[in-house]
Amino acid sequence: MAMDNDKERIRQRMEEATGAGLHPGKIAELLRRQDLYRRSNTLFVGPAPQLSQIRINALLDGKTLVVPAPAIKKGFYRLKPYATPFKDLSHAVSLKGLDSFGRLLAPAELARLHIDLALTDCLAVSPGGGRLGHGTGFFDLAMALLSEWGAVDDTTLFGAVGAQEQLLGEDLPQQSWDVRLHFFLSQQ
């Protein structure tokens, strides 16, 4: 219970302090220059609006994109690179566009995928890779499901993007199911 209170205290502090310094287009371009991105063929990118340009870039850069359905109720969609007209990319990578432009994957199809890089947003990140989200457990649940189906494994890299002020100097309390990040990419 104390751990939940600690997380909630940090969450409230960070919700008030973050967001103004994040420029989604700049962070998307910074990610494009990273070797870990260039080496990745299949990306999971969370549905947060500030990750939209990353989702668009992934398709433009020839990467397969996996995006969860709203609330993960239906599962996960796959968008293939170069399959969407350029003028429709922004809509295609939105939650409203997934039904029209994505393909809903069955668990057996997910088992044949390997996600190289999984990206999400966050409120805060600790130096040891602890991530504080918005408190719904969405990213952790998505990664647990994908792991269960074999699409995520020990070689998958987990990362978050955000603003510099989201990087904490303190450790974050973590539960056993919390996904530890391999990296946090922020603009200077």
Protein backbone atom coordinates (compact mmCIF):
# COMPACT_ATOMS: atom_id res chain seq x y z
CA MET A 1 0.00 0.00 0.00
CA ALA A 2 2.85 2.38 0.80
CA MET A 3 4.36 1.74 -2.64
CA ASP A 4 1.06 2.71 -4.31
CA ASN A 5 0.93 5.90 -2.24
CA ASP A 6 4.52 6.73 -3.22
CA LYS A 7 3.73 6.22 -6.90
CA GLU A 8 0.59 8.33 -6.64
CA ARG A 9 2.50 11.15 -4.91
CA ILE A 10 5.15 11.16 -7.66
CA ARG A 11 2.46 10.85 -10.36
CA GLN A 12 0.63 13.95 -9.09
CA ARG A 13 3.86 15.93 -8.93
CA MET A 14 4.90 14.91 -12.44
CA GLU A 15 1.49 15.48 -14.06
CA GLU A 16 1.73 19.10 -12.96
CA ALA A 17 5.34 19.55 -14.04
CA THR A 18 5.68 17.76 -17.39
CA GLY A 19 4.49 18.12 -20.92
CA ALA A 20 5.41 21.66 -21.86
CA GLY A 21 8.96 20.74 -22.90
CA LEU A 22 8.03 17.85 -25.21
CA HIS A 23 8.08 18.41 -28.95
CA PRO A 24 6.79 15.18 -30.56
CA GLY A 25 8.26 15.90 -33.98
CA LYS A 26 11.72 16.58 -32.59
CA ILE A 27 11.72 13.47 -30.39
CA ALA A 28 10.55 11.37 -33.37
CA GLU A 29 13.46 12.64 -35.46
CA LEU A 30 15.89 12.05 -32.60
CA LEU A 31 14.67 8.46 -32.35
CA ARG A 32 15.18 7.99 -36.10
CA ARG A 33 18.89 8.70 -35.64
CA GLN A 34 19.35 5.97 -33.00
CA ASP A 35 20.98 2.67 -34.03
CA LEU A 36 18.50 0.70 -31.95
CA TYR A 37 15.69 2.17 -34.04
CA ARG A 38 17.48 1.65 -37.36
CA ARG A 39 18.18 -2.01 -36.52
CA SER A 40 14.55 -2.69 -35.58
CA ASN A 41 12.16 -4.22 -38.09
CA THR A 42 8.99 -4.48 -36.00
CA LEU A 43 7.98 -1.82 -33.50
CA PHE A 44 5.28 -1.64 -30.87
CA VAL A 45 4.38 2.01 -30.32
CA GLY A 46 1.79 2.98 -27.74
CA PRO A 47 -1.36 4.82 -28.84
CA ALA A 48 -0.61 8.12 -27.06
CA PRO A 49 -1.15 11.13 -29.34
CA GLN A 50 2.39 12.43 -28.66
CA LEU A 51 3.76 9.20 -30.23
CA SER A 52 1.87 9.71 -33.48
CA GLN A 53 4.87 11.03 -35.43
CA ILE A 54 6.94 8.04 -34.29
CA ARG A 55 4.23 5.72 -35.64
CA ILE A 56 4.17 7.61 -38.95
CA ASN A 57 7.98 7.58 -39.23
CA ALA A 58 8.09 3.84 -38.56
CA LEU A 59 5.86 3.17 -41.57
CA LEU A 60 7.79 5.63 -43.74
CA ASP A 61 11.05 3.97 -42.67
CA GLY A 62 9.91 0.51 -43.78
CA LYS A 63 9.08 -0.90 -40.35
CA THR A 64 6.14 -3.05 -39.36
CA LEU A 65 4.09 -1.32 -36.70
CA VAL A 66 2.10 -3.01 -33.93
CA VAL A 67 -0.42 -0.82 -32.10
CA PRO A 68 -2.88 -1.91 -29.42
CA ALA A 69 -6.59 -1.57 -30.04
CA PRO A 70 -8.38 0.87 -27.72
CA ALA A 71 -8.09 -0.50 -24.17
CA ILE A 72 -6.58 -3.63 -25.78
CA LYS A 73 -10.13 -5.04 -25.92
CA LYS A 74 -9.81 -6.35 -29.48
CA GLY A 75 -6.09 -7.08 -29.28
CA PHE A 76 -3.38 -5.64 -31.49
CA TYR A 77 -3.27 -4.21 -34.99
CA ARG A 78 -0.44 -4.52 -37.49
CA LEU A 79 0.25 -1.83 -40.04
CA LYS A 80 2.63 -2.72 -42.83
CA PRO A 81 5.07 -0.22 -44.28
CA TYR A 82 4.28 1.39 -47.62
CA ALA A 83 0.70 -0.02 -47.55
CA THR A 84 -0.98 3.27 -46.63
CA PRO A 85 -1.15 6.29 -48.94
CA PHE A 86 0.98 9.14 -47.61
CA LYS A 87 -2.04 11.44 -47.29
CA ASP A 88 -3.72 8.92 -44.96
CA LEU A 89 -0.79 8.15 -42.65
CA SER A 90 -1.81 10.50 -39.86
CA HIS A 91 -5.30 9.01 -39.69
CA ALA A 92 -4.07 5.43 -40.18
CA VAL A 93 -1.89 5.51 -37.05
CA SER A 94 -4.65 7.00 -34.88
CA LEU A 95 -6.99 4.87 -32.78
CA LYS A 96 -9.86 5.79 -35.12
CA GLY A 97 -7.88 4.79 -38.21
CA LEU A 98 -6.66 1.38 -37.05
CA ASP A 99 -9.85 -0.44 -38.09
CA SER A 100 -9.58 0.94 -41.63
CA PHE A 101 -5.83 0.72 -42.22
CA GLY A 102 -4.56 -1.87 -39.76
CA ARG A 103 -5.07 -5.61 -39.58
CA LEU A 104 -6.29 -7.08 -36.30
CA LEU A 105 -3.98 -9.95 -35.39
CA ALA A 106 -4.98 -13.28 -33.91
CA PRO A 107 -2.77 -14.64 -31.09
CA ALA A 108 -1.28 -17.21 -33.52
CA GLU A 109 -0.20 -14.38 -35.82
CA LEU A 110 1.33 -12.49 -32.89
CA ALA A 111 3.33 -15.62 -32.06
CA ARG A 112 4.98 -15.39 -35.49
CA LEU A 113 6.00 -11.76 -34.93
CA HIS A 114 9.01 -10.56 -33.03
CA ILE A 115 8.82 -7.04 -31.68
CA ASP A 116 12.32 -5.58 -31.67
CA LEU A 117 11.49 -2.28 -30.02
CA ALA A 118 8.55 -1.32 -27.76
CA LEU A 119 7.99 2.38 -27.14
CA THR A 120 5.65 4.23 -24.83
CA ASP A 121 5.10 7.58 -23.21
CA CYS A 122 5.51 8.18 -19.49
CA LEU A 123 5.22 10.67 -16.69
CA ALA A 124 8.61 9.89 -15.21
CA VAL A 125 11.60 7.54 -15.51
CA SER A 126 14.16 6.65 -12.88
CA PRO A 127 17.87 6.15 -13.60
CA GLY A 128 17.45 2.37 -13.21
CA GLY A 129 14.75 2.10 -15.87
CA GLY A 130 11.70 2.34 -13.64
CA ARG A 131 8.80 3.94 -15.47
CA LEU A 132 5.83 5.77 -14.07
CA GLY A 133 2.83 5.87 -16.36
CA HIS A 134 -0.61 7.28 -15.88
CA GLY A 135 -1.64 4.54 -13.45
CA THR A 136 -3.72 2.29 -15.69
CA GLY A 137 -1.09 -0.41 -16.26
CA PHE A 138 -1.74 -0.26 -20.00
CA PHE A 139 1.85 -0.67 -21.21
CA ASP A 140 2.63 -3.37 -18.65
CA LEU A 141 -0.48 -5.33 -19.64
CA ALA A 142 0.25 -4.98 -23.36
CA MET A 143 3.80 -6.25 -22.88
CA ALA A 144 2.59 -9.16 -20.69
CA LEU A 145 0.10 -10.23 -23.38
CA LEU A 146 2.65 -9.92 -26.17
CA SER A 147 5.16 -11.86 -24.10
CA GLU A 148 2.61 -14.61 -23.43
CA TRP A 149 1.99 -14.93 -27.18
CA GLY A 150 5.72 -14.90 -27.96
CA ALA A 151 5.96 -11.55 -29.78
CA VAL A 152 8.06 -9.99 -26.98
CA ASP A 153 11.05 -11.73 -25.43
CA ASP A 154 14.38 -11.08 -23.71
CA THR A 155 15.80 -9.46 -26.84
CA THR A 156 13.01 -6.87 -27.14
CA LEU A 157 14.15 -3.39 -26.14
CA PHE A 158 11.75 -1.32 -24.05
CA GLY A 159 11.91 2.44 -24.14
CA ALA A 160 10.05 5.63 -23.39
CA VAL A 161 10.29 9.08 -24.88
CA GLY A 162 9.68 12.36 -23.16
CA ALA A 163 11.08 15.64 -21.96
CA GLN A 164 14.26 15.99 -19.92
CA GLU A 165 12.36 17.05 -16.79
CA GLN A 166 10.71 13.60 -16.72
CA LEU A 167 14.02 11.94 -15.84
CA LEU A 168 14.12 11.65 -12.06
CA GLY A 169 17.12 11.54 -9.78
CA GLU A 170 15.34 9.09 -7.48
CA ASP A 171 14.32 5.47 -7.88
CA LEU A 172 10.68 4.74 -8.54
CA PRO A 173 8.84 2.08 -6.56
CA GLN A 174 8.26 -0.91 -8.84
CA GLN A 175 5.99 -3.94 -8.74
CA SER A 176 6.99 -7.35 -10.14
CA TRP A 177 4.82 -6.78 -13.25
CA ASP A 178 6.24 -3.33 -14.06
CA VAL A 179 8.22 -3.30 -17.30
CA ARG A 180 11.77 -1.99 -16.82
CA LEU A 181 12.99 0.28 -19.56
CA HIS A 182 16.26 -0.16 -21.40
CA PHE A 183 16.36 3.49 -22.40
CA PHE A 184 14.68 6.87 -22.09
CA LEU A 185 15.02 9.20 -25.04
CA SER A 186 14.57 12.89 -24.34
CA GLN A 187 15.37 16.07 -26.15
CA GLN A 188 17.98 18.28 -24.59
